[in-house]
C-alpha atoms as a PDB file:
ATOM      1  CA  MET A   1      66.036  22.218  92.057  1.00  0.00           C
ATOM      2  CA  PHE A   2      67.245  19.015  90.182  1.00  0.00           C
ATOM      3  CA  GLU A   3      68.776  15.559  91.518  1.00  0.00           C
ATOM      4  CA  LYS A   4      72.068  15.410  93.004  1.00  0.00           C
ATOM      5  CA  ASN A   5      73.254  12.786  90.411  1.00  0.00           C
ATOM      6  CA  THR A   6      71.956  15.155  87.830  1.00  0.00           C
ATOM      7  CA  LYS A   7      75.088  15.224  85.244  1.00  0.00           C
ATOM      8  CA  ILE A   8      76.601  18.410  85.084  1.00  0.00           C
ATOM      9  CA  TYR A   9      79.336  19.737  82.642  1.00  0.00           C
ATOM     10  CA  ILE A  10      81.687  22.825  83.967  1.00  0.00           C
ATOM     11  CA  ALA A  11      83.417  23.939  81.540  1.00  0.00           C
ATOM     12  CA  GLY A  12      86.509  26.122  82.443  1.00  0.00           C
ATOM     13  CA  HIS A  13      86.516  23.825  85.820  1.00  0.00           C
ATOM     14  CA  LYS A  14      90.349  24.748  86.871  1.00  0.00           C
ATOM     15  CA  GLY A  15      89.603  28.188  86.360  1.00  0.00           C
ATOM     16  CA  LEU A  16      89.135  31.064  89.392  1.00  0.00           C
ATOM     17  CA  VAL A  17      85.230  30.957  88.589  1.00  0.00           C
ATOM     18  CA  GLY A  18      85.162  27.348  87.420  1.00  0.00           C
ATOM     19  CA  SER A  19      86.693  25.350  89.947  1.00  0.00           C
ATOM     20  CA  ALA A  20      84.895  27.665  92.940  1.00  0.00           C
ATOM     21  CA  ILE A  21      81.734  26.132  91.410  1.00  0.00           C
ATOM     22  CA  TRP A  22      82.618  23.003  91.416  1.00  0.00           C
ATOM     23  CA  GLN A  23      83.814  23.047  95.398  1.00  0.00           C
ATOM     24  CA  ASN A  24      80.452  25.165  95.767  1.00  0.00           C
ATOM     25  CA  LEU A  25      78.092  22.170  93.927  1.00  0.00           C
ATOM     26  CA  TRP A  26      80.056  19.102  95.316  1.00  0.00           C
ATOM     27  CA  GLN A  27      79.914  21.018  98.819  1.00  0.00           C
ATOM     28  CA  ARG A  28      75.838  21.017  98.228  1.00  0.00           C
ATOM     29  CA  GLY A  29      76.194  16.853  97.349  1.00  0.00           C
ATOM     30  CA  PHE A  30      76.050  17.187  93.728  1.00  0.00           C
ATOM     31  CA  HIS A  31      78.794  14.627  92.659  1.00  0.00           C
ATOM     32  CA  ASN A  32      77.765  13.856  89.353  1.00  0.00           C
ATOM     33  CA  LEU A  33      80.347  16.760  88.160  1.00  0.00           C
ATOM     34  CA  ILE A  34      82.404  16.529  84.466  1.00  0.00           C
ATOM     35  CA  GLY A  35      84.886  18.891  84.130  1.00  0.00           C
ATOM     36  CA  LYS A  36      87.860  18.877  80.781  1.00  0.00           C
ATOM     37  CA  THR A  37      91.036  20.468  80.821  1.00  0.00           C
ATOM     38  CA  HIS A  38      92.009  22.552  77.858  1.00  0.00           C
ATOM     39  CA  LYS A  39      94.379  19.988  76.760  1.00  0.00           C
ATOM     40  CA  GLU A  40      91.721  17.016  77.062  1.00  0.00           C
ATOM     41  CA  LEU A  41      89.171  19.325  75.226  1.00  0.00           C
ATOM     42  CA  ASP A  42      89.903  22.488  73.133  1.00  0.00           C
ATOM     43  CA  LEU A  43      86.514  24.430  73.461  1.00  0.00           C
ATOM     44  CA  MET A  44      87.334  26.196  70.015  1.00  0.00           C
ATOM     45  CA  ASP A  45      87.422  23.253  68.220  1.00  0.00           C
ATOM     46  CA  ARG A  46      83.833  22.951  67.424  1.00  0.00           C
ATOM     47  CA  ALA A  47      84.201  19.050  66.091  1.00  0.00           C
ATOM     48  CA  LYS A  48      85.629  17.858  69.184  1.00  0.00           C
ATOM     49  CA  VAL A  49      83.272  20.029  71.269  1.00  0.00           C
ATOM     50  CA  ARG A  50      80.147  18.389  69.602  1.00  0.00           C
ATOM     51  CA  GLU A  51      82.231  14.696  69.870  1.00  0.00           C
ATOM     52  CA  PHE A  52      81.954  15.674  74.014  1.00  0.00           C
ATOM     53  CA  PHE A  53      78.724  16.691  74.237  1.00  0.00           C
ATOM     54  CA  ASP A  54      77.826  13.296  71.938  1.00  0.00           C
ATOM     55  CA  LYS A  55      79.684  10.915  74.510  1.00  0.00           C
ATOM     56  CA  GLU A  56      79.186  12.491  77.818  1.00  0.00           C
ATOM     57  CA  LYS A  57      75.252  13.827  77.237  1.00  0.00           C
ATOM     58  CA  PRO A  58      75.794  16.361  80.298  1.00  0.00           C
ATOM     59  CA  GLU A  59      72.072  17.520  81.548  1.00  0.00           C
ATOM     60  CA  VAL A  60      73.159  20.806  82.884  1.00  0.00           C
ATOM     61  CA  VAL A  61      75.683  23.460  81.518  1.00  0.00           C
ATOM     62  CA  VAL A  62      78.013  26.097  83.142  1.00  0.00           C
ATOM     63  CA  LEU A  63      79.999  27.918  80.659  1.00  0.00           C
ATOM     64  CA  ALA A  64      82.463  29.190  82.753  1.00  0.00           C
ATOM     65  CA  ALA A  65      85.439  28.833  80.426  1.00  0.00           C
ATOM     66  CA  ALA A  66      87.202  32.303  78.777  1.00  0.00           C
ATOM     67  CA  PHE A  67      89.538  33.817  77.119  1.00  0.00           C
ATOM     68  CA  VAL A  68      90.532  36.657  80.145  1.00  0.00           C
ATOM     69  CA  GLY A  69      92.926  39.481  81.150  1.00  0.00           C
ATOM     70  CA  GLY A  70      93.613  42.941  82.333  1.00  0.00           C
ATOM     71  CA  ILE A  71      93.788  46.345  80.823  1.00  0.00           C
ATOM     72  CA  MET A  72      97.314  45.241  79.409  1.00  0.00           C
ATOM     73  CA  ALA A  73      96.375  42.183  78.002  1.00  0.00           C
ATOM     74  CA  ASN A  74      92.882  43.307  76.430  1.00  0.00           C
ATOM     75  CA  SER A  75      95.004  46.148  74.801  1.00  0.00           C
ATOM     76  CA  LEU A  76      97.585  44.004  73.401  1.00  0.00           C
ATOM     77  CA  TYR A  77      95.455  40.781  72.342  1.00  0.00           C
ATOM     78  CA  ARG A  78      92.196  42.652  70.601  1.00  0.00           C
ATOM     79  CA  ALA A  79      91.550  40.335  68.226  1.00  0.00           C
ATOM     80  CA  ASP A  80      92.859  37.389  70.791  1.00  0.00           C
ATOM     81  CA  PHE A  81      90.027  38.194  72.730  1.00  0.00           C
ATOM     82  CA  ILE A  82      87.035  38.676  70.714  1.00  0.00           C
ATOM     83  CA  TYR A  83      87.647  35.709  68.295  1.00  0.00           C
ATOM     84  CA  ASN A  84      88.422  32.829  70.948  1.00  0.00           C
ATOM     85  CA  ASN A  85      85.798  34.070  73.139  1.00  0.00           C
ATOM     86  CA  LEU A  86      83.441  34.046  70.348  1.00  0.00           C
ATOM     87  CA  GLN A  87      84.012  30.661  69.299  1.00  0.00           C
ATOM     88  CA  ILE A  88      84.381  29.450  72.489  1.00  0.00           C
ATOM     89  CA  GLN A  89      80.524  30.599  73.038  1.00  0.00           C
ATOM     90  CA  GLN A  90      79.700  29.705  70.264  1.00  0.00           C
ATOM     91  CA  ASN A  91      80.365  26.108  70.328  1.00  0.00           C
ATOM     92  CA  VAL A  92      78.964  25.337  73.496  1.00  0.00           C
ATOM     93  CA  ILE A  93      75.711  27.285  73.849  1.00  0.00           C
ATOM     94  CA  GLY A  94      75.171  25.851  70.228  1.00  0.00           C
ATOM     95  CA  GLU A  95      76.139  21.985  71.516  1.00  0.00           C
ATOM     96  CA  CYS A  96      73.663  23.440  74.467  1.00  0.00           C
ATOM     97  CA  PHE A  97      70.792  23.702  72.439  1.00  0.00           C
ATOM     98  CA  SER A  98      71.836  20.793  69.949  1.00  0.00           C
ATOM     99  CA  HIS A  99      71.903  18.160  72.762  1.00  0.00           C
ATOM    100  CA  ARG A 100      68.776  19.641  74.624  1.00  0.00           C
ATOM    101  CA  VAL A 101      70.553  20.800  77.578  1.00  0.00           C
ATOM    102  CA  LYS A 102      68.144  21.715  80.529  1.00  0.00           C
ATOM    103  CA  LYS A 103      69.175  24.470  81.626  1.00  0.00           C
ATOM    104  CA  LEU A 104      72.775  26.767  81.229  1.00  0.00           C
ATOM    105  CA  LEU A 105      74.359  28.741  83.116  1.00  0.00           C
ATOM    106  CA  PHE A 106      76.815  31.814  81.309  1.00  0.00           C
ATOM    107  CA  LEU A 107      79.348  33.608  83.319  1.00  0.00           C
ATOM    108  CA  GLY A 108      79.941  37.187  81.750  1.00  0.00           C
ATOM    109  CA  SER A 109      81.619  40.091  83.290  1.00  0.00           C
ATOM    110  CA  THR A 110      80.700  43.605  84.141  1.00  0.00           C
ATOM    111  CA  CYS A 111      83.018  44.946  81.452  1.00  0.00           C
ATOM    112  CA  ILE A 112      80.155  44.689  79.079  1.00  0.00           C
ATOM    113  CA  TYR A 113      78.498  47.859  80.377  1.00  0.00           C
ATOM    114  CA  PRO A 114      79.222  51.522  78.697  1.00  0.00           C
ATOM    115  CA  ARG A 115      82.071  53.647  80.163  1.00  0.00           C
ATOM    116  CA  MET A 116      79.977  55.826  81.518  1.00  0.00           C
ATOM    117  CA  ALA A 117      77.445  54.020  82.590  1.00  0.00           C
ATOM    118  CA  THR A 118      74.630  55.390  85.244  1.00  0.00           C
ATOM    119  CA  GLN A 119      76.147  54.752  89.002  1.00  0.00           C
ATOM    120  CA  PRO A 120      75.196  52.083  90.026  1.00  0.00           C
ATOM    121  CA  ILE A 121      75.147  49.564  87.357  1.00  0.00           C
ATOM    122  CA  LYS A 122      71.651  48.434  86.369  1.00  0.00           C
ATOM    123  CA  GLU A 123      70.850  45.591  83.987  1.00  0.00           C
ATOM    124  CA  GLU A 124      69.434  48.179  82.231  1.00  0.00           C
ATOM    125  CA  GLU A 125      72.429  49.873  81.347  1.00  0.00           C
ATOM    126  CA  LEU A 126      73.701  47.484  78.811  1.00  0.00           C
ATOM    127  CA  LEU A 127      73.886  49.097  74.872  1.00  0.00           C
ATOM    128  CA  THR A 128      73.154  52.289  76.112  1.00  0.00           C
ATOM    129  CA  SER A 129      76.191  54.343  74.948  1.00  0.00           C
ATOM    130  CA  PRO A 130      80.002  53.640  74.167  1.00  0.00           C
ATOM    131  CA  LEU A 131      81.725  50.665  76.082  1.00  0.00           C
ATOM    132  CA  GLU A 132      85.262  51.142  77.533  1.00  0.00           C
ATOM    133  CA  TYR A 133      87.906  51.205  74.500  1.00  0.00           C
ATOM    134  CA  THR A 134      90.706  48.864  76.220  1.00  0.00           C
ATOM    135  CA  ASN A 135      88.236  46.126  76.674  1.00  0.00           C
ATOM    136  CA  GLU A 136      86.178  46.540  73.732  1.00  0.00           C
ATOM    137  CA  PRO A 137      86.541  43.310  71.886  1.00  0.00           C
ATOM    138  CA  TYR A 138      86.110  41.390  75.274  1.00  0.00           C
ATOM    139  CA  ALA A 139      82.858  42.918  76.023  1.00  0.00           C
ATOM    140  CA  ILE A 140      81.350  43.082  72.933  1.00  0.00           C
ATOM    141  CA  ALA A 141      82.169  39.005  72.899  1.00  0.00           C
ATOM    142  CA  LYS A 142      80.556  38.742  76.357  1.00  0.00           C
ATOM    143  CA  ILE A 143      77.184  40.428  75.124  1.00  0.00           C
ATOM    144  CA  ALA A 144      77.111  38.059  72.094  1.00  0.00           C
ATOM    145  CA  GLY A 145      76.823  35.195  74.691  1.00  0.00           C
ATOM    146  CA  LEU A 146      74.246  36.688  76.860  1.00  0.00           C
ATOM    147  CA  LYS A 147      72.455  37.653  73.955  1.00  0.00           C
ATOM    148  CA  MET A 148      72.347  34.062  72.540  1.00  0.00           C
ATOM    149  CA  CYS A 149      71.338  33.121  75.890  1.00  0.00           C
ATOM    150  CA  GLU A 150      68.128  35.300  75.650  1.00  0.00           C
ATOM    151  CA  SER A 151      67.849  34.771  72.149  1.00  0.00           C
ATOM    152  CA  PHE A 152      67.853  31.213  72.824  1.00  0.00           C
ATOM    153  CA  ALA A 153      65.756  31.286  75.595  1.00  0.00           C
ATOM    154  CA  LEU A 154      62.626  33.735  73.494  1.00  0.00           C
ATOM    155  CA  GLN A 155      62.686  31.712  70.501  1.00  0.00           C
ATOM    156  CA  TYR A 156      62.831  28.266  71.493  1.00  0.00           C
ATOM    157  CA  GLY A 157      62.039  27.994  75.119  1.00  0.00           C
ATOM    158  CA  CYS A 158      65.338  27.227  76.190  1.00  0.00           C
ATOM    159  CA  ASN A 159      66.085  27.602  80.028  1.00  0.00           C
ATOM    160  CA  TYR A 160      69.541  29.587  79.643  1.00  0.00           C
ATOM    161  CA  ILE A 161      70.280  31.886  82.003  1.00  0.00           C
ATOM    162  CA  ALA A 162      73.265  34.759  82.028  1.00  0.00           C
ATOM    163  CA  VAL A 163      74.783  36.070  84.806  1.00  0.00           C
ATOM    164  CA  MET A 164      77.498  38.952  84.931  1.00  0.00           C
ATOM    165  CA  PRO A 165      80.309  38.843  87.690  1.00  0.00           C
ATOM    166  CA  THR A 166      82.216  42.255  88.715  1.00  0.00           C
ATOM    167  CA  ASN A 167      85.844  42.025  89.551  1.00  0.00           C
ATOM    168  CA  LEU A 168      86.822  38.805  90.707  1.00  0.00           C
ATOM    169  CA  TYR A 169      89.402  37.760  93.288  1.00  0.00           C
ATOM    170  CA  GLY A 170      90.258  34.681  95.378  1.00  0.00           C
ATOM    171  CA  TYR A 171      91.776  31.132  95.435  1.00  0.00           C
ATOM    172  CA  ASN A 172      93.839  29.517  91.959  1.00  0.00           C
ATOM    173  CA  ASP A 173      93.835  33.212  90.689  1.00  0.00           C
ATOM    174  CA  ASN A 174      96.240  34.346  87.897  1.00  0.00           C
ATOM    175  CA  PHE A 175      98.523  36.197  89.695  1.00  0.00           C
ATOM    176  CA  HIS A 176     101.179  37.441  86.308  1.00  0.00           C
ATOM    177  CA  LEU A 177     102.424  40.589  87.047  1.00  0.00           C
ATOM    178  CA  GLU A 178     100.636  41.835  83.189  1.00  0.00           C
ATOM    179  CA  ASN A 179      97.764  39.574  82.370  1.00  0.00           C
ATOM    180  CA  SER A 180      96.050  39.377  85.462  1.00  0.00           C
ATOM    181  CA  HIS A 181      93.069  40.971  87.125  1.00  0.00           C
ATOM    182  CA  VAL A 182      94.408  44.289  89.148  1.00  0.00           C
ATOM    183  CA  LEU A 183      93.828  42.596  92.898  1.00  0.00           C
ATOM    184  CA  PRO A 184      96.103  39.348  92.656  1.00  0.00           C
ATOM    185  CA  ALA A 185      98.422  41.859  90.197  1.00  0.00           C
ATOM    186  CA  MET A 186      98.827  43.922  92.808  1.00  0.00           C
ATOM    187  CA  ILE A 187      99.409  41.492  95.484  1.00  0.00           C
ATOM    188  CA  ARG A 188     101.901  39.810  94.028  1.00  0.00           C
ATOM    189  CA  LYS A 189     103.843  43.086  93.246  1.00  0.00           C
ATOM    190  CA  ILE A 190     103.699  43.927  97.033  1.00  0.00           C
ATOM    191  CA  PHE A 191     105.159  41.051  98.035  1.00  0.00           C
ATOM    192  CA  LEU A 192     107.617  41.202  95.403  1.00  0.00           C
ATOM    193  CA  ALA A 193     108.325  44.693  96.657  1.00  0.00           C
ATOM    194  CA  LYS A 194     108.702  43.540 100.177  1.00  0.00           C
ATOM    195  CA  CYS A 195     110.920  40.705  99.529  1.00  0.00           C
ATOM    196  CA  LEU A 196     113.204  42.800  97.748  1.00  0.00           C
ATOM    197  CA  MET A 197     113.360  45.467 100.050  1.00  0.00           C
ATOM    198  CA  GLU A 198     114.103  42.828 102.802  1.00  0.00           C
ATOM    199  CA  ASP A 199     116.702  41.461 100.927  1.00  0.00           C
ATOM    200  CA  ASN A 200     114.846  38.007 101.089  1.00  0.00           C
ATOM    201  CA  TRP A 201     115.955  36.312  97.863  1.00  0.00           C
ATOM    202  CA  GLU A 202     115.534  32.686  99.042  1.00  0.00           C
ATOM    203  CA  VAL A 203     111.361  33.467  99.273  1.00  0.00           C
ATOM    204  CA  LEU A 204     111.471  36.028  96.127  1.00  0.00           C
ATOM    205  CA  ARG A 205     113.401  33.054  94.111  1.00  0.00           C
ATOM    206  CA  LYS A 206     111.314  30.667  95.633  1.00  0.00           C
ATOM    207  CA  ASP A 207     107.728  33.237  94.034  1.00  0.00           C
ATOM    208  CA  LEU A 208     109.790  33.023  90.733  1.00  0.00           C
ATOM    209  CA  ASN A 209     109.924  29.381  90.455  1.00  0.00           C
ATOM    210  CA  LYS A 210     106.466  28.693  91.119  1.00  0.00           C
ATOM    211  CA  ARG A 211     105.487  31.827  88.888  1.00  0.00           C
ATOM    212  CA  LYS A 212     108.325  33.196  85.882  1.00  0.00           C
ATOM    213  CA  VAL A 213     107.967  36.783  84.860  1.00  0.00           C
ATOM    214  CA  GLU A 214     108.895  36.014  81.117  1.00  0.00           C
ATOM    215  CA  ASN A 215     111.935  33.849  81.340  1.00  0.00           C
ATOM    216  CA  ILE A 216     113.261  35.230  84.895  1.00  0.00           C
ATOM    217  CA  SER A 217     112.978  32.007  86.898  1.00  0.00           C
ATOM    218  CA  GLY A 218     114.276  32.034  90.491  1.00  0.00           C
ATOM    219  CA  GLU A 219     117.336  30.189  89.192  1.00  0.00           C
ATOM    220  CA  SER A 220     118.407  33.443  87.294  1.00  0.00           C
ATOM    221  CA  THR A 221     121.292  35.967  88.850  1.00  0.00           C
ATOM    222  CA  LYS A 222     119.991  38.644  91.368  1.00  0.00           C
ATOM    223  CA  GLU A 223     121.059  41.177  88.218  1.00  0.00           C
ATOM    224  CA  GLU A 224     118.511  39.833  86.076  1.00  0.00           C
ATOM    225  CA  ILE A 225     115.553  39.690  88.256  1.00  0.00           C
ATOM    226  CA  SER A 226     116.084  43.172  89.586  1.00  0.00           C
ATOM    227  CA  GLU A 227     116.333  44.279  86.274  1.00  0.00           C
ATOM    228  CA  ILE A 228     112.919  42.378  84.886  1.00  0.00           C
ATOM    229  CA  LEU A 229     111.062  43.458  88.136  1.00  0.00           C
ATOM    230  CA  LYS A 230     112.260  47.125  87.875  1.00  0.00           C
ATOM    231  CA  LYS A 231     110.370  46.541  84.438  1.00  0.00           C
ATOM    232  CA  TYR A 232     107.505  46.049  86.641  1.00  0.00           C
ATOM    233  CA  GLY A 233     107.952  48.754  88.500  1.00  0.00           C
ATOM    234  CA  ILE A 234     109.253  46.985  91.623  1.00  0.00           C
ATOM    235  CA  GLU A 235     112.431  48.408  93.111  1.00  0.00           C
ATOM    236  CA  LYS A 236     114.373  48.519  96.486  1.00  0.00           C
ATOM    237  CA  ASN A 237     112.610  50.909  98.097  1.00  0.00           C
ATOM    238  CA  ASN A 238     108.990  51.395  96.273  1.00  0.00           C
ATOM    239  CA  LEU A 239     106.978  50.168  94.073  1.00  0.00           C
ATOM    240  CA  LYS A 240     105.297  51.559  90.973  1.00  0.00           C
ATOM    241  CA  LEU A 241     101.759  50.800  90.363  1.00  0.00           C
ATOM    242  CA  TRP A 242     100.034  51.489  86.833  1.00  0.00           C
ATOM    243  CA  GLY A 243      97.204  54.460  86.537  1.00  0.00           C
ATOM    244  CA  SER A 244      96.251  56.817  88.629  1.00  0.00           C
ATOM    245  CA  GLY A 245      94.964  55.090  91.727  1.00  0.00           C
ATOM    246  CA  LYS A 246      91.653  57.287  91.777  1.00  0.00           C
ATOM    247  CA  VAL A 247      89.300  54.728  89.536  1.00  0.00           C
ATOM    248  CA  LEU A 248      86.451  53.148  91.557  1.00  0.00           C
ATOM    249  CA  ARG A 249      86.083  49.433  91.101  1.00  0.00           C
ATOM    250  CA  GLU A 250      83.861  46.724  93.193  1.00  0.00           C
ATOM    251  CA  PHE A 251      85.295  43.349  93.668  1.00  0.00           C
ATOM    252  CA  LEU A 252      83.985  40.059  94.872  1.00  0.00           C
ATOM    253  CA  TRP A 253      85.486  37.014  96.662  1.00  0.00           C
ATOM    254  CA  SER A 254      85.469  34.097  94.494  1.00  0.00           C
ATOM    255  CA  GLU A 255      83.784  31.462  96.285  1.00  0.00           C
ATOM    256  CA  ASP A 256      80.686  34.327  97.056  1.00  0.00           C
ATOM    257  CA  MET A 257      79.966  34.564  92.903  1.00  0.00           C
ATOM    258  CA  ALA A 258      80.323  30.477  92.838  1.00  0.00           C
ATOM    259  CA  ASP A 259      77.402  30.669  95.206  1.00  0.00           C
ATOM    260  CA  ALA A 260      75.329  33.251  93.890  1.00  0.00           C
ATOM    261  CA  SER A 261      76.085  31.348  90.707  1.00  0.00           C
ATOM    262  CA  VAL A 262      74.545  28.176  92.357  1.00  0.00           C
ATOM    263  CA  HIS A 263      71.735  29.883  93.853  1.00  0.00           C
ATOM    264  CA  ILE A 264      70.754  30.906  90.455  1.00  0.00           C
ATOM    265  CA  LEU A 265      71.519  27.152  88.529  1.00  0.00           C
ATOM    266  CA  LEU A 266      69.486  25.516  91.423  1.00  0.00           C
ATOM    267  CA  ASN A 267      66.418  28.450  91.854  1.00  0.00           C
ATOM    268  CA  VAL A 268      66.320  30.880  89.402  1.00  0.00           C
ATOM    269  CA  ASP A 269      64.903  29.970  85.810  1.00  0.00           C
ATOM    270  CA  PHE A 270      64.746  32.398  82.733  1.00  0.00           C
ATOM    271  CA  LYS A 271      61.413  33.429  83.132  1.00  0.00           C
ATOM    272  CA  ASP A 272      62.525  34.964  86.628  1.00  0.00           C
ATOM    273  CA  THR A 273      64.579  37.556  84.920  1.00  0.00           C
ATOM    274  CA  TYR A 274      62.330  39.871  83.534  1.00  0.00           C
ATOM    275  CA  PRO A 275      59.163  41.752  83.888  1.00  0.00           C
ATOM    276  CA  GLN A 276      56.261  39.939  83.139  1.00  0.00           C
ATOM    277  CA  GLY A 277      54.288  41.222  80.689  1.00  0.00           C
ATOM    278  CA  GLU A 278      56.952  43.017  79.050  1.00  0.00           C
ATOM    279  CA  LYS A 279      56.909  43.571  74.911  1.00  0.00           C
ATOM    280  CA  GLN A 280      59.984  43.706  74.202  1.00  0.00           C
ATOM    281  CA  ILE A 281      61.600  41.394  76.666  1.00  0.00           C
ATOM    282  CA  ARG A 282      65.742  42.167  77.035  1.00  0.00           C
ATOM    283  CA  ASN A 283      68.272  42.942  79.775  1.00  0.00           C
ATOM    284  CA  CYS A 284      67.323  39.455  81.166  1.00  0.00           C
ATOM    285  CA  HIS A 285      71.565  38.695  82.728  1.00  0.00           C
ATOM    286  CA  ILE A 286      72.154  39.422  86.273  1.00  0.00           C
ATOM    287  CA  ASN A 287      74.640  41.503  88.069  1.00  0.00           C
ATOM    288  CA  ILE A 288      76.541  39.545  90.851  1.00  0.00           C
ATOM    289  CA  GLY A 289      78.323  41.646  93.091  1.00  0.00           C
ATOM    290  CA  THR A 290      78.467  43.455  96.471  1.00  0.00           C
ATOM    291  CA  GLY A 291      76.868  46.852  95.552  1.00  0.00           C
ATOM    292  CA  LYS A 292      80.473  48.293  97.639  1.00  0.00           C
ATOM    293  CA  GLU A 293      83.376  49.691  96.215  1.00  0.00           C
ATOM    294  CA  THR A 294      87.059  51.258  96.609  1.00  0.00           C
ATOM    295  CA  THR A 295      89.488  53.488  94.830  1.00  0.00           C
ATOM    296  CA  ILE A 296      92.522  50.990  93.702  1.00  0.00           C
ATOM    297  CA  LYS A 297      94.467  53.728  95.486  1.00  0.00           C
ATOM    298  CA  ASP A 298      92.782  52.464  99.011  1.00  0.00           C
ATOM    299  CA  LEU A 299      93.024  48.855  97.408  1.00  0.00           C
ATOM    300  CA  SER A 300      96.747  49.037  97.198  1.00  0.00           C
ATOM    301  CA  GLU A 301      96.878  50.667 100.698  1.00  0.00           C
ATOM    302  CA  MET A 302      94.899  47.390 102.222  1.00  0.00           C
ATOM    303  CA  ILE A 303      97.062  44.934 100.666  1.00  0.00           C
ATOM    304  CA  LYS A 304     100.009  47.219 101.656  1.00  0.00           C
ATOM    305  CA  LYS A 305      98.901  46.854 105.656  1.00  0.00           C
ATOM    306  CA  GLU A 306      98.044  43.281 105.204  1.00  0.00           C
ATOM    307  CA  LEU A 307     101.169  42.329 103.968  1.00  0.00           C
ATOM    308  CA  SER A 308     103.064  44.781 106.111  1.00  0.00           C
ATOM    309  CA  TYR A 309     105.223  46.293 103.432  1.00  0.00           C
ATOM    310  CA  LYS A 310     106.980  49.224 104.473  1.00  0.00           C
ATOM    311  CA  GLY A 311     108.416  50.913 101.043  1.00  0.00           C
ATOM    312  CA  GLU A 312     106.536  53.719  99.156  1.00  0.00           C
ATOM    313  CA  ILE A 313     104.043  53.318  96.460  1.00  0.00           C
ATOM    314  CA  LEU A 314     104.252  55.460  93.521  1.00  0.00           C
ATOM    315  CA  TRP A 315     101.216  55.739  90.352  1.00  0.00           C
ATOM    316  CA  ASP A 316     101.983  56.131  86.728  1.00  0.00           C
ATOM    317  CA  ALA A 317      99.217  58.043  85.375  1.00  0.00           C
ATOM    318  CA  SER A 318     100.597  57.532  81.995  1.00  0.00           C
ATOM    319  CA  TYR A 319      99.172  53.977  82.062  1.00  0.00           C
ATOM    320  CA  PRO A 320      95.443  53.828  81.384  1.00  0.00           C
ATOM    321  CA  ASP A 321      93.329  53.381  84.014  1.00  0.00           C
ATOM    322  CA  GLY A 322      90.451  52.183  81.983  1.00  0.00           C
ATOM    323  CA  THR A 323      86.448  52.671  83.011  1.00  0.00           C
ATOM    324  CA  PRO A 324      86.658  55.387  86.087  1.00  0.00           C
ATOM    325  CA  ARG A 325      84.223  53.710  87.609  1.00  0.00           C
ATOM    326  CA  LYS A 326      82.072  50.451  87.743  1.00  0.00           C
ATOM    327  CA  LEU A 327      79.846  49.462  90.760  1.00  0.00           C
ATOM    328  CA  THR A 328      76.899  47.734  89.634  1.00  0.00           C
ATOM    329  CA  ASP A 329      73.505  47.491  90.937  1.00  0.00           C
ATOM    330  CA  VAL A 330      72.556  44.204  92.459  1.00  0.00           C
ATOM    331  CA  SER A 331      68.960  44.465  93.749  1.00  0.00           C
ATOM    332  CA  LYS A 332      67.654  42.089  91.101  1.00  0.00           C
ATOM    333  CA  LEU A 333      70.137  39.615  92.361  1.00  0.00           C
ATOM    334  CA  HIS A 334      68.971  40.642  96.393  1.00  0.00           C
ATOM    335  CA  SER A 335      65.162  40.450  94.780  1.00  0.00           C
ATOM    336  CA  LEU A 336      65.993  36.583  93.950  1.00  0.00           C
ATOM    337  CA  GLY A 337      67.059  35.179  97.441  1.00  0.00           C
ATOM    338  CA  TRP A 338      71.048  36.086  97.711  1.00  0.00           C
ATOM    339  CA  ARG A 339      73.610  38.473  98.887  1.00  0.00           C
ATOM    340  CA  HIS A 340      77.419  37.927  99.512  1.00  0.00           C
ATOM    341  CA  ARG A 341      79.304  37.251 102.667  1.00  0.00           C
ATOM    342  CA  VAL A 342      83.106  38.122 102.186  1.00  0.00           C
ATOM    343  CA  GLU A 343      84.036  41.940 102.623  1.00  0.00           C
ATOM    344  CA  LEU A 344      86.891  42.770 101.507  1.00  0.00           C
ATOM    345  CA  LEU A 345      89.197  43.258 104.205  1.00  0.00           C
ATOM    346  CA  GLU A 346      88.671  39.636 104.886  1.00  0.00           C
ATOM    347  CA  GLY A 347      89.520  38.679 101.127  1.00  0.00           C
ATOM    348  CA  ILE A 348      92.540  40.260 101.179  1.00  0.00           C
ATOM    349  CA  HIS A 349      93.489  38.356 104.290  1.00  0.00           C
ATOM    350  CA  LEU A 350      92.630  34.843 103.072  1.00  0.00           C
ATOM    351  CA  LEU A 351      93.784  35.376  99.488  1.00  0.00           C
ATOM    352  CA  THR A 352      97.103  36.751 100.537  1.00  0.00           C
ATOM    353  CA  GLN A 353      98.019  34.097 103.286  1.00  0.00           C
ATOM    354  CA  TRP A 354      96.885  31.208 100.430  1.00  0.00           C
ATOM    355  CA  TYR A 355      99.292  33.212  98.507  1.00  0.00           C
ATOM    356  CA  LYS A 356     101.856  32.900 100.722  1.00  0.00           C
ATOM    357  CA  ASP A 357     101.136  28.957 101.674  1.00  0.00           C
ATOM    358  CA  ASN A 358     101.235  27.874  97.949  1.00  0.00           C
ATOM    359  CA  LEU A 359     104.603  29.290  97.066  1.00  0.00           C
END
């Protein structure tokens, strides 16, 4: 446990993950927190990162900054996903070592696991078979990050721990129709489909003014708006979602993820992440999840009910599904003293309400 005045740098403090961790630490009485926006500090610029560490001298670092997106973004921007994330990780982890940071928490993702990993997925499944093709570049970058943490800990005794959260959703999420993750994207699509079906152009325009779709805003004509929404499967009487809807996914409320991360940051050391007496120490990362899953189709029905959408939901199987199933084994996390609190239906209610309240 750290003193309450410990200086903690949260890289990516404005994002879904970082903002939730910041809030959790603040509520626990840790108020000496440092955060820099991308405009203030480009983490891909090694010289700027070194200058920041020289000046601020953080004692603890949470690396929650990353270049992220959903299936479509991962497929389109493969070079960006591997290059940008490797650069960020190399710079931040390198400076943590150079400046003798006491503890580092690295945030990854369960997409690091093989496409056909044994379910539920234990940490030991890492690197046992091929990755899912659509997000392979991002996964490789995150694997490199966790292996950097593991390697610095083993060679130099650094207290660096990597955690791998499952699919996250929560306040401050990204609701981009193409580049966001499945749950927030689905909430927005169903919300827009409901507005279109009910001819609620006032709210629909308000939504588009808050978050443009390509170059279309609430100031565009009805014809232009209808055309761009149709491109994303949103029409007057139905909504077409990408994929078959049959794949299974696990979802974790972002505030639960933050609580688990801070619990590990404050109570778990690197030596606690692997069985003592092992000759070959590996897979020291920790899964963070619920250990529960649902189909994407069932998820859409939950959101449809929450938003009282009366239209039909169709599925376009010509779009990729991604990994068929991705359920985490969270027994390691449970053994370290933490379990999730927010169930999926409650989380969907909280997020849809937040989305409507923040238009």
